[in-house]
Amino acid sequence: AEIAANALDELIRLLQTDEPLWMKS
């Protein structure tokens, strides 16, 4: 349950954050 909750937080940040996490190819 703890791993899943932490993973959910990470996923939301990956989806809602652009730079500097994501760059355009």
mmCIF file of all heavy atoms, coordinates in Angstrom:
data_MODEL
# 
_entry.id   MODEL 
# 
loop_
_atom_site.group_PDB 
_atom_site.id 
_atom_site.type_symbol 
_atom_site.label_atom_id 
_atom_site.label_alt_id 
_atom_site.label_comp_id 
_atom_site.label_asym_id 
_atom_site.label_entity_id 
_atom_site.label_seq_id 
_atom_site.pdbx_PDB_ins_code 
_atom_site.Cartn_x 
_atom_site.Cartn_y 
_atom_site.Cartn_z 
_atom_site.occupancy 
_atom_site.B_iso_or_equiv 
_atom_site.pdbx_formal_charge 
_atom_site.auth_seq_id 
_atom_site.auth_comp_id 
_atom_site.auth_asym_id 
_atom_site.auth_atom_id 
_atom_site.pdbx_PDB_model_num 
ATOM 1   N N   . ALA A 1 1  ? 0.834  -1.205 0.000   1.00 0.00 ? 1  ALA A N   1 
ATOM 2   C CA  . ALA A 1 1  ? 0.000  0.000  0.000   1.00 0.00 ? 1  ALA A CA  1 
ATOM 3   C C   . ALA A 1 1  ? 0.868  1.254  0.000   1.00 0.00 ? 1  ALA A C   1 
ATOM 4   O O   . ALA A 1 1  ? 0.569  2.236  -0.694  1.00 0.00 ? 1  ALA A O   1 
ATOM 5   C CB  . ALA A 1 1  ? -0.930 -0.014 1.212   1.00 0.00 ? 1  ALA A CB  1 
ATOM 6   N N   . GLU A 1 2  ? 1.964  1.217  0.754   1.00 0.00 ? 2  GLU A N   1 
ATOM 7   C CA  . GLU A 1 2  ? 2.858  2.379  0.811   1.00 0.00 ? 2  GLU A CA  1 
ATOM 8   C C   . GLU A 1 2  ? 3.541  2.605  -0.538  1.00 0.00 ? 2  GLU A C   1 
ATOM 9   O O   . GLU A 1 2  ? 3.645  3.738  -1.018  1.00 0.00 ? 2  GLU A O   1 
ATOM 10  C CB  . GLU A 1 2  ? 3.901  2.170  1.905   1.00 0.00 ? 2  GLU A CB  1 
ATOM 11  C CG  . GLU A 1 2  ? 4.860  3.344  2.057   1.00 0.00 ? 2  GLU A CG  1 
ATOM 12  C CD  . GLU A 1 2  ? 5.901  3.095  3.132   1.00 0.00 ? 2  GLU A CD  1 
ATOM 13  O OE1 . GLU A 1 2  ? 5.856  2.025  3.781   1.00 0.00 ? 2  GLU A OE1 1 
ATOM 14  O OE2 . GLU A 1 2  ? 6.767  3.962  3.320   1.00 0.00 ? 2  GLU A OE2 1 
ATOM 15  N N   . ILE A 1 3  ? 4.004  1.507  -1.167  1.00 0.00 ? 3  ILE A N   1 
ATOM 16  C CA  . ILE A 1 3  ? 4.657  1.617  -2.476  1.00 0.00 ? 3  ILE A CA  1 
ATOM 17  C C   . ILE A 1 3  ? 3.688  2.183  -3.506  1.00 0.00 ? 3  ILE A C   1 
ATOM 18  O O   . ILE A 1 3  ? 4.037  3.057  -4.306  1.00 0.00 ? 3  ILE A O   1 
ATOM 19  C CB  . ILE A 1 3  ? 5.182  0.228  -2.919  1.00 0.00 ? 3  ILE A CB  1 
ATOM 20  C CG1 . ILE A 1 3  ? 6.362  -0.191 -2.045  1.00 0.00 ? 3  ILE A CG1 1 
ATOM 21  C CG2 . ILE A 1 3  ? 5.582  0.242  -4.389  1.00 0.00 ? 3  ILE A CG2 1 
ATOM 22  C CD1 . ILE A 1 3  ? 6.839  -1.608 -2.298  1.00 0.00 ? 3  ILE A CD1 1 
ATOM 23  N N   . ALA A 1 4  ? 2.438  1.697  -3.488  1.00 0.00 ? 4  ALA A N   1 
ATOM 24  C CA  . ALA A 1 4  ? 1.440  2.166  -4.453  1.00 0.00 ? 4  ALA A CA  1 
ATOM 25  C C   . ALA A 1 4  ? 1.136  3.647  -4.252  1.00 0.00 ? 4  ALA A C   1 
ATOM 26  O O   . ALA A 1 4  ? 1.016  4.409  -5.220  1.00 0.00 ? 4  ALA A O   1 
ATOM 27  C CB  . ALA A 1 4  ? 0.169  1.329  -4.331  1.00 0.00 ? 4  ALA A CB  1 
ATOM 28  N N   . ALA A 1 5  ? 1.011  4.077  -2.999  1.00 0.00 ? 5  ALA A N   1 
ATOM 29  C CA  . ALA A 1 5  ? 0.706  5.487  -2.730  1.00 0.00 ? 5  ALA A CA  1 
ATOM 30  C C   . ALA A 1 5  ? 1.855  6.388  -3.184  1.00 0.00 ? 5  ALA A C   1 
ATOM 31  O O   . ALA A 1 5  ? 1.629  7.449  -3.787  1.00 0.00 ? 5  ALA A O   1 
ATOM 32  C CB  . ALA A 1 5  ? 0.435  5.676  -1.236  1.00 0.00 ? 5  ALA A CB  1 
ATOM 33  N N   . ASN A 1 6  ? 3.098  5.975  -2.908  1.00 0.00 ? 6  ASN A N   1 
ATOM 34  C CA  . ASN A 1 6  ? 4.249  6.764  -3.361  1.00 0.00 ? 6  ASN A CA  1 
ATOM 35  C C   . ASN A 1 6  ? 4.327  6.805  -4.884  1.00 0.00 ? 6  ASN A C   1 
ATOM 36  O O   . ASN A 1 6  ? 4.671  7.845  -5.476  1.00 0.00 ? 6  ASN A O   1 
ATOM 37  C CB  . ASN A 1 6  ? 5.538  6.184  -2.783  1.00 0.00 ? 6  ASN A CB  1 
ATOM 38  C CG  . ASN A 1 6  ? 5.633  6.355  -1.277  1.00 0.00 ? 6  ASN A CG  1 
ATOM 39  O OD1 . ASN A 1 6  ? 4.994  7.246  -0.714  1.00 0.00 ? 6  ASN A OD1 1 
ATOM 40  N ND2 . ASN A 1 6  ? 6.411  5.512  -0.623  1.00 0.00 ? 6  ASN A ND2 1 
ATOM 41  N N   . ALA A 1 7  ? 4.021  5.670  -5.519  1.00 0.00 ? 7  ALA A N   1 
ATOM 42  C CA  . ALA A 1 7  ? 4.047  5.610  -6.982  1.00 0.00 ? 7  ALA A CA  1 
ATOM 43  C C   . ALA A 1 7  ? 2.996  6.542  -7.587  1.00 0.00 ? 7  ALA A C   1 
ATOM 44  O O   . ALA A 1 7  ? 3.235  7.178  -8.623  1.00 0.00 ? 7  ALA A O   1 
ATOM 45  C CB  . ALA A 1 7  ? 3.821  4.177  -7.456  1.00 0.00 ? 7  ALA A CB  1 
ATOM 46  N N   . LEU A 1 8  ? 1.832  6.618  -6.941  1.00 0.00 ? 8  LEU A N   1 
ATOM 47  C CA  . LEU A 1 8  ? 0.780  7.504  -7.437  1.00 0.00 ? 8  LEU A CA  1 
ATOM 48  C C   . LEU A 1 8  ? 1.232  8.964  -7.384  1.00 0.00 ? 8  LEU A C   1 
ATOM 49  O O   . LEU A 1 8  ? 1.019  9.726  -8.339  1.00 0.00 ? 8  LEU A O   1 
ATOM 50  C CB  . LEU A 1 8  ? -0.494 7.314  -6.612  1.00 0.00 ? 8  LEU A CB  1 
ATOM 51  C CG  . LEU A 1 8  ? -1.710 8.104  -7.087  1.00 0.00 ? 8  LEU A CG  1 
ATOM 52  C CD1 . LEU A 1 8  ? -2.221 7.563  -8.406  1.00 0.00 ? 8  LEU A CD1 1 
ATOM 53  C CD2 . LEU A 1 8  ? -2.823 8.072  -6.047  1.00 0.00 ? 8  LEU A CD2 1 
ATOM 54  N N   . ASP A 1 9  ? 1.879  9.349  -6.283  1.00 0.00 ? 9  ASP A N   1 
ATOM 55  C CA  . ASP A 1 9  ? 2.381  10.727 -6.170  1.00 0.00 ? 9  ASP A CA  1 
ATOM 56  C C   . ASP A 1 9  ? 3.395  11.024 -7.265  1.00 0.00 ? 9  ASP A C   1 
ATOM 57  O O   . ASP A 1 9  ? 3.371  12.095 -7.884  1.00 0.00 ? 9  ASP A O   1 
ATOM 58  C CB  . ASP A 1 9  ? 3.020  10.939 -4.794  1.00 0.00 ? 9  ASP A CB  1 
ATOM 59  C CG  . ASP A 1 9  ? 2.001  10.898 -3.670  1.00 0.00 ? 9  ASP A CG  1 
ATOM 60  O OD1 . ASP A 1 9  ? 0.805  11.087 -3.953  1.00 0.00 ? 9  ASP A OD1 1 
ATOM 61  O OD2 . ASP A 1 9  ? 2.392  10.647 -2.511  1.00 0.00 ? 9  ASP A OD2 1 
ATOM 62  N N   . GLU A 1 10 ? 4.285  10.061 -7.519  1.00 0.00 ? 10 GLU A N   1 
ATOM 63  C CA  . GLU A 1 10 ? 5.301  10.255 -8.564  1.00 0.00 ? 10 GLU A CA  1 
ATOM 64  C C   . GLU A 1 10 ? 4.655  10.360 -9.937  1.00 0.00 ? 10 GLU A C   1 
ATOM 65  O O   . GLU A 1 10 ? 5.034  11.212 -10.753 1.00 0.00 ? 10 GLU A O   1 
ATOM 66  C CB  . GLU A 1 10 ? 6.308  9.109  -8.533  1.00 0.00 ? 10 GLU A CB  1 
ATOM 67  C CG  . GLU A 1 10 ? 7.402  9.245  -9.583  1.00 0.00 ? 10 GLU A CG  1 
ATOM 68  C CD  . GLU A 1 10 ? 8.472  8.179  -9.459  1.00 0.00 ? 10 GLU A CD  1 
ATOM 69  O OE1 . GLU A 1 10 ? 8.822  7.805  -8.319  1.00 0.00 ? 10 GLU A OE1 1 
ATOM 70  O OE2 . GLU A 1 10 ? 8.977  7.724  -10.505 1.00 0.00 ? 10 GLU A OE2 1 
ATOM 71  N N   . LEU A 1 11 ? 3.664  9.498  -10.207 1.00 0.00 ? 11 LEU A N   1 
ATOM 72  C CA  . LEU A 1 11 ? 3.002  9.520  -11.513 1.00 0.00 ? 11 LEU A CA  1 
ATOM 73  C C   . LEU A 1 11 ? 2.344  10.879 -11.766 1.00 0.00 ? 11 LEU A C   1 
ATOM 74  O O   . LEU A 1 11 ? 2.471  11.446 -12.860 1.00 0.00 ? 11 LEU A O   1 
ATOM 75  C CB  . LEU A 1 11 ? 1.947  8.406  -11.582 1.00 0.00 ? 11 LEU A CB  1 
ATOM 76  C CG  . LEU A 1 11 ? 1.053  8.417  -12.825 1.00 0.00 ? 11 LEU A CG  1 
ATOM 77  C CD1 . LEU A 1 11 ? 1.857  8.084  -14.070 1.00 0.00 ? 11 LEU A CD1 1 
ATOM 78  C CD2 . LEU A 1 11 ? -0.119 7.457  -12.667 1.00 0.00 ? 11 LEU A CD2 1 
ATOM 79  N N   . ILE A 1 12 ? 1.640  11.401 -10.775 1.00 0.00 ? 12 ILE A N   1 
ATOM 80  C CA  . ILE A 1 12 ? 0.948  12.687 -10.953 1.00 0.00 ? 12 ILE A CA  1 
ATOM 81  C C   . ILE A 1 12 ? 1.951  13.802 -11.248 1.00 0.00 ? 12 ILE A C   1 
ATOM 82  O O   . ILE A 1 12 ? 1.721  14.654 -12.119 1.00 0.00 ? 12 ILE A O   1 
ATOM 83  C CB  . ILE A 1 12 ? 0.092  13.003 -9.712  1.00 0.00 ? 12 ILE A CB  1 
ATOM 84  C CG1 . ILE A 1 12 ? -1.072 11.995 -9.611  1.00 0.00 ? 12 ILE A CG1 1 
ATOM 85  C CG2 . ILE A 1 12 ? -0.445 14.419 -9.773  1.00 0.00 ? 12 ILE A CG2 1 
ATOM 86  C CD1 . ILE A 1 12 ? -1.897 12.125 -8.357  1.00 0.00 ? 12 ILE A CD1 1 
ATOM 87  N N   . ARG A 1 13 ? 3.082  13.784 -10.559 1.00 0.00 ? 13 ARG A N   1 
ATOM 88  C CA  . ARG A 1 13 ? 4.098  14.804 -10.825 1.00 0.00 ? 13 ARG A CA  1 
ATOM 89  C C   . ARG A 1 13 ? 4.689  14.651 -12.222 1.00 0.00 ? 13 ARG A C   1 
ATOM 90  O O   . ARG A 1 13 ? 4.964  15.633 -12.910 1.00 0.00 ? 13 ARG A O   1 
ATOM 91  C CB  . ARG A 1 13 ? 5.201  14.723 -9.761  1.00 0.00 ? 13 ARG A CB  1 
ATOM 92  C CG  . ARG A 1 13 ? 4.727  15.158 -8.377  1.00 0.00 ? 13 ARG A CG  1 
ATOM 93  C CD  . ARG A 1 13 ? 5.854  15.107 -7.363  1.00 0.00 ? 13 ARG A CD  1 
ATOM 94  N NE  . ARG A 1 13 ? 6.893  16.103 -7.651  1.00 0.00 ? 13 ARG A NE  1 
ATOM 95  C CZ  . ARG A 1 13 ? 8.014  16.226 -6.947  1.00 0.00 ? 13 ARG A CZ  1 
ATOM 96  N NH1 . ARG A 1 13 ? 8.225  15.428 -5.902  1.00 0.00 ? 13 ARG A NH1 1 
ATOM 97  N NH2 . ARG A 1 13 ? 8.904  17.144 -7.253  1.00 0.00 ? 13 ARG A NH2 1 
ATOM 98  N N   . LEU A 1 14 ? 4.898  13.413 -12.662 1.00 0.00 ? 14 LEU A N   1 
ATOM 99  C CA  . LEU A 1 14 ? 5.420  13.183 -14.018 1.00 0.00 ? 14 LEU A CA  1 
ATOM 100 C C   . LEU A 1 14 ? 4.433  13.659 -15.080 1.00 0.00 ? 14 LEU A C   1 
ATOM 101 O O   . LEU A 1 14 ? 4.829  14.141 -16.143 1.00 0.00 ? 14 LEU A O   1 
ATOM 102 C CB  . LEU A 1 14 ? 5.723  11.689 -14.223 1.00 0.00 ? 14 LEU A CB  1 
ATOM 103 C CG  . LEU A 1 14 ? 6.954  11.135 -13.519 1.00 0.00 ? 14 LEU A CG  1 
ATOM 104 C CD1 . LEU A 1 14 ? 7.014  9.615  -13.670 1.00 0.00 ? 14 LEU A CD1 1 
ATOM 105 C CD2 . LEU A 1 14 ? 8.226  11.761 -14.081 1.00 0.00 ? 14 LEU A CD2 1 
ATOM 106 N N   . LEU A 1 15 ? 3.139  13.520 -14.793 1.00 0.00 ? 15 LEU A N   1 
ATOM 107 C CA  . LEU A 1 15 ? 2.127  13.923 -15.766 1.00 0.00 ? 15 LEU A CA  1 
ATOM 108 C C   . LEU A 1 15 ? 1.923  15.436 -15.790 1.00 0.00 ? 15 LEU A C   1 
ATOM 109 O O   . LEU A 1 15 ? 1.600  16.011 -16.833 1.00 0.00 ? 15 LEU A O   1 
ATOM 110 C CB  . LEU A 1 15 ? 0.798  13.227 -15.444 1.00 0.00 ? 15 LEU A CB  1 
ATOM 111 C CG  . LEU A 1 15 ? 0.719  11.736 -15.779 1.00 0.00 ? 15 LEU A CG  1 
ATOM 112 C CD1 . LEU A 1 15 ? -0.510 11.112 -15.138 1.00 0.00 ? 15 LEU A CD1 1 
ATOM 113 C CD2 . LEU A 1 15 ? 0.684  11.518 -17.288 1.00 0.00 ? 15 LEU A CD2 1 
ATOM 114 N N   . GLN A 1 16 ? 2.130  16.083 -14.666 1.00 0.00 ? 16 GLN A N   1 
ATOM 115 C CA  . GLN A 1 16 ? 1.795  17.502 -14.564 1.00 0.00 ? 16 GLN A CA  1 
ATOM 116 C C   . GLN A 1 16 ? 3.005  18.427 -14.677 1.00 0.00 ? 16 GLN A C   1 
ATOM 117 O O   . GLN A 1 16 ? 2.850  19.642 -14.698 1.00 0.00 ? 16 GLN A O   1 
ATOM 118 C CB  . GLN A 1 16 ? 1.070  17.764 -13.240 1.00 0.00 ? 16 GLN A CB  1 
ATOM 119 C CG  . GLN A 1 16 ? -0.279 17.051 -13.144 1.00 0.00 ? 16 GLN A CG  1 
ATOM 120 C CD  . GLN A 1 16 ? -0.989 17.304 -11.833 1.00 0.00 ? 16 GLN A CD  1 
ATOM 121 O OE1 . GLN A 1 16 ? -0.385 17.749 -10.858 1.00 0.00 ? 16 GLN A OE1 1 
ATOM 122 N NE2 . GLN A 1 16 ? -2.289 17.008 -11.789 1.00 0.00 ? 16 GLN A NE2 1 
ATOM 123 N N   . THR A 1 17 ? 4.211  17.867 -14.742 1.00 0.00 ? 17 THR A N   1 
ATOM 124 C CA  . THR A 1 17 ? 5.430  18.679 -14.821 1.00 0.00 ? 17 THR A CA  1 
ATOM 125 C C   . THR A 1 17 ? 6.048  18.560 -16.205 1.00 0.00 ? 17 THR A C   1 
ATOM 126 O O   . THR A 1 17 ? 6.177  17.449 -16.735 1.00 0.00 ? 17 THR A O   1 
ATOM 127 C CB  . THR A 1 17 ? 6.452  18.226 -13.754 1.00 0.00 ? 17 THR A CB  1 
ATOM 128 O OG1 . THR A 1 17 ? 5.831  18.233 -12.474 1.00 0.00 ? 17 THR A OG1 1 
ATOM 129 C CG2 . THR A 1 17 ? 7.662  19.151 -13.745 1.00 0.00 ? 17 THR A CG2 1 
ATOM 130 N N   . ASP A 1 18 ? 6.425  19.685 -16.791 1.00 0.00 ? 18 ASP A N   1 
ATOM 131 C CA  . ASP A 1 18 ? 7.125  19.668 -18.078 1.00 0.00 ? 18 ASP A CA  1 
ATOM 132 C C   . ASP A 1 18 ? 8.629  19.793 -17.818 1.00 0.00 ? 18 ASP A C   1 
ATOM 133 O O   . ASP A 1 18 ? 9.224  18.891 -17.260 1.00 0.00 ? 18 ASP A O   1 
ATOM 134 C CB  . ASP A 1 18 ? 6.598  20.781 -18.977 1.00 0.00 ? 18 ASP A CB  1 
ATOM 135 C CG  . ASP A 1 18 ? 5.140  20.538 -19.375 1.00 0.00 ? 18 ASP A CG  1 
ATOM 136 O OD1 . ASP A 1 18 ? 4.771  19.365 -19.541 1.00 0.00 ? 18 ASP A OD1 1 
ATOM 137 O OD2 . ASP A 1 18 ? 4.375  21.509 -19.482 1.00 0.00 ? 18 ASP A OD2 1 
ATOM 138 N N   . GLU A 1 19 ? 9.216  20.891 -18.215 1.00 0.00 ? 19 GLU A N   1 
ATOM 139 C CA  . GLU A 1 19 ? 10.639 21.082 -17.920 1.00 0.00 ? 19 GLU A CA  1 
ATOM 140 C C   . GLU A 1 19 ? 10.811 21.340 -16.416 1.00 0.00 ? 19 GLU A C   1 
ATOM 141 O O   . GLU A 1 19 ? 9.937  21.942 -15.794 1.00 0.00 ? 19 GLU A O   1 
ATOM 142 C CB  . GLU A 1 19 ? 11.185 22.255 -18.732 1.00 0.00 ? 19 GLU A CB  1 
ATOM 143 C CG  . GLU A 1 19 ? 11.171 22.002 -20.232 1.00 0.00 ? 19 GLU A CG  1 
ATOM 144 C CD  . GLU A 1 19 ? 11.797 23.155 -21.006 1.00 0.00 ? 19 GLU A CD  1 
ATOM 145 O OE1 . GLU A 1 19 ? 12.239 24.137 -20.348 1.00 0.00 ? 19 GLU A OE1 1 
ATOM 146 O OE2 . GLU A 1 19 ? 11.861 23.085 -22.229 1.00 0.00 ? 19 GLU A OE2 1 
ATOM 147 N N   . PRO A 1 20 ? 11.905 20.862 -15.787 1.00 0.00 ? 20 PRO A N   1 
ATOM 148 C CA  . PRO A 1 20 ? 13.061 20.210 -16.413 1.00 0.00 ? 20 PRO A CA  1 
ATOM 149 C C   . PRO A 1 20 ? 12.956 18.695 -16.496 1.00 0.00 ? 20 PRO A C   1 
ATOM 150 O O   . PRO A 1 20 ? 13.887 18.047 -16.955 1.00 0.00 ? 20 PRO A O   1 
ATOM 151 C CB  . PRO A 1 20 ? 14.194 20.620 -15.472 1.00 0.00 ? 20 PRO A CB  1 
ATOM 152 C CG  . PRO A 1 20 ? 13.524 20.633 -14.121 1.00 0.00 ? 20 PRO A CG  1 
ATOM 153 C CD  . PRO A 1 20 ? 12.127 21.142 -14.358 1.00 0.00 ? 20 PRO A CD  1 
ATOM 154 N N   . LEU A 1 21 ? 11.824 18.097 -16.030 1.00 0.00 ? 21 LEU A N   1 
ATOM 155 C CA  . LEU A 1 21 ? 11.714 16.639 -16.074 1.00 0.00 ? 21 LEU A CA  1 
ATOM 156 C C   . LEU A 1 21 ? 11.604 16.123 -17.509 1.00 0.00 ? 21 LEU A C   1 
ATOM 157 O O   . LEU A 1 21 ? 12.206 15.111 -17.863 1.00 0.00 ? 21 LEU A O   1 
ATOM 158 C CB  . LEU A 1 21 ? 10.498 16.180 -15.269 1.00 0.00 ? 21 LEU A CB  1 
ATOM 159 C CG  . LEU A 1 21 ? 10.681 16.049 -13.755 1.00 0.00 ? 21 LEU A CG  1 
ATOM 160 C CD1 . LEU A 1 21 ? 9.374  15.660 -13.093 1.00 0.00 ? 21 LEU A CD1 1 
ATOM 161 C CD2 . LEU A 1 21 ? 11.758 15.024 -13.443 1.00 0.00 ? 21 LEU A CD2 1 
ATOM 162 N N   . TRP A 1 22 ? 10.826 16.789 -18.332 1.00 0.00 ? 22 TRP A N   1 
ATOM 163 C CA  . TRP A 1 22 ? 10.577 16.337 -19.700 1.00 0.00 ? 22 TRP A CA  1 
ATOM 164 C C   . TRP A 1 22 ? 11.129 17.370 -20.684 1.00 0.00 ? 22 TRP A C   1 
ATOM 165 O O   . TRP A 1 22 ? 10.934 18.566 -20.513 1.00 0.00 ? 22 TRP A O   1 
ATOM 166 C CB  . TRP A 1 22 ? 9.085  16.139 -19.962 1.00 0.00 ? 22 TRP A CB  1 
ATOM 167 C CG  . TRP A 1 22 ? 8.466  15.051 -19.140 1.00 0.00 ? 22 TRP A CG  1 
ATOM 168 C CD1 . TRP A 1 22 ? 7.835  15.185 -17.930 1.00 0.00 ? 22 TRP A CD1 1 
ATOM 169 C CD2 . TRP A 1 22 ? 8.423  13.658 -19.451 1.00 0.00 ? 22 TRP A CD2 1 
ATOM 170 N NE1 . TRP A 1 22 ? 7.393  13.973 -17.480 1.00 0.00 ? 22 TRP A NE1 1 
ATOM 171 C CE2 . TRP A 1 22 ? 7.745  13.008 -18.390 1.00 0.00 ? 22 TRP A CE2 1 
ATOM 172 C CE3 . TRP A 1 22 ? 8.871  12.880 -20.522 1.00 0.00 ? 22 TRP A CE3 1 
ATOM 173 C CZ2 . TRP A 1 22 ? 7.510  11.640 -18.373 1.00 0.00 ? 22 TRP A CZ2 1 
ATOM 174 C CZ3 . TRP A 1 22 ? 8.653  11.515 -20.501 1.00 0.00 ? 22 TRP A CZ3 1 
ATOM 175 C CH2 . TRP A 1 22 ? 7.980  10.905 -19.444 1.00 0.00 ? 22 TRP A CH2 1 
ATOM 176 N N   . MET A 1 23 ? 11.782 16.871 -21.724 1.00 0.00 ? 23 MET A N   1 
ATOM 177 C CA  . MET A 1 23 ? 12.318 17.721 -22.786 1.00 0.00 ? 23 MET A CA  1 
ATOM 178 C C   . MET A 1 23 ? 11.725 17.268 -24.117 1.00 0.00 ? 23 MET A C   1 
ATOM 179 O O   . MET A 1 23 ? 11.323 16.114 -24.278 1.00 0.00 ? 23 MET A O   1 
ATOM 180 C CB  . MET A 1 23 ? 13.846 17.627 -22.842 1.00 0.00 ? 23 MET A CB  1 
ATOM 181 C CG  . MET A 1 23 ? 14.532 17.818 -21.495 1.00 0.00 ? 23 MET A CG  1 
ATOM 182 S SD  . MET A 1 23 ? 14.311 19.467 -20.805 1.00 0.00 ? 23 MET A SD  1 
ATOM 183 C CE  . MET A 1 23 ? 15.308 20.425 -21.932 1.00 0.00 ? 23 MET A CE  1 
ATOM 184 N N   . LYS A 1 24 ? 11.668 18.180 -25.080 1.00 0.00 ? 24 LYS A N   1 
ATOM 185 C CA  . LYS A 1 24 ? 11.171 17.835 -26.408 1.00 0.00 ? 24 LYS A CA  1 
ATOM 186 C C   . LYS A 1 24 ? 12.291 17.204 -27.243 1.00 0.00 ? 24 LYS A C   1 
ATOM 187 O O   . LYS A 1 24 ? 13.388 17.753 -27.336 1.00 0.00 ? 24 LYS A O   1 
ATOM 188 C CB  . LYS A 1 24 ? 10.653 19.083 -27.128 1.00 0.00 ? 24 LYS A CB  1 
ATOM 189 C CG  . LYS A 1 24 ? 9.375  19.660 -26.536 1.00 0.00 ? 24 LYS A CG  1 
ATOM 190 C CD  . LYS A 1 24 ? 8.206  18.729 -26.736 1.00 0.00 ? 24 LYS A CD  1 
ATOM 191 C CE  . LYS A 1 24 ? 6.920  19.364 -26.196 1.00 0.00 ? 24 LYS A CE  1 
ATOM 192 N NZ  . LYS A 1 24 ? 5.784  18.434 -26.278 1.00 0.00 ? 24 LYS A NZ  1 
ATOM 193 N N   . SER A 1 25 ? 11.999 16.047 -27.847 1.00 0.00 ? 25 SER A N   1 
ATOM 194 C CA  . SER A 1 25 ? 12.977 15.403 -28.719 1.00 0.00 ? 25 SER A CA  1 
ATOM 195 C C   . SER A 1 25 ? 13.137 16.205 -30.005 1.00 0.00 ? 25 SER A C   1 
ATOM 196 O O   . SER A 1 25 ? 12.148 16.611 -30.622 1.00 0.00 ? 25 SER A O   1 
ATOM 197 C CB  . SER A 1 25 ? 12.525 13.975 -29.056 1.00 0.00 ? 25 SER A CB  1 
ATOM 198 O OG  . SER A 1 25 ? 13.306 13.420 -30.092 1.00 0.00 ? 25 SER A OG  1 
# 
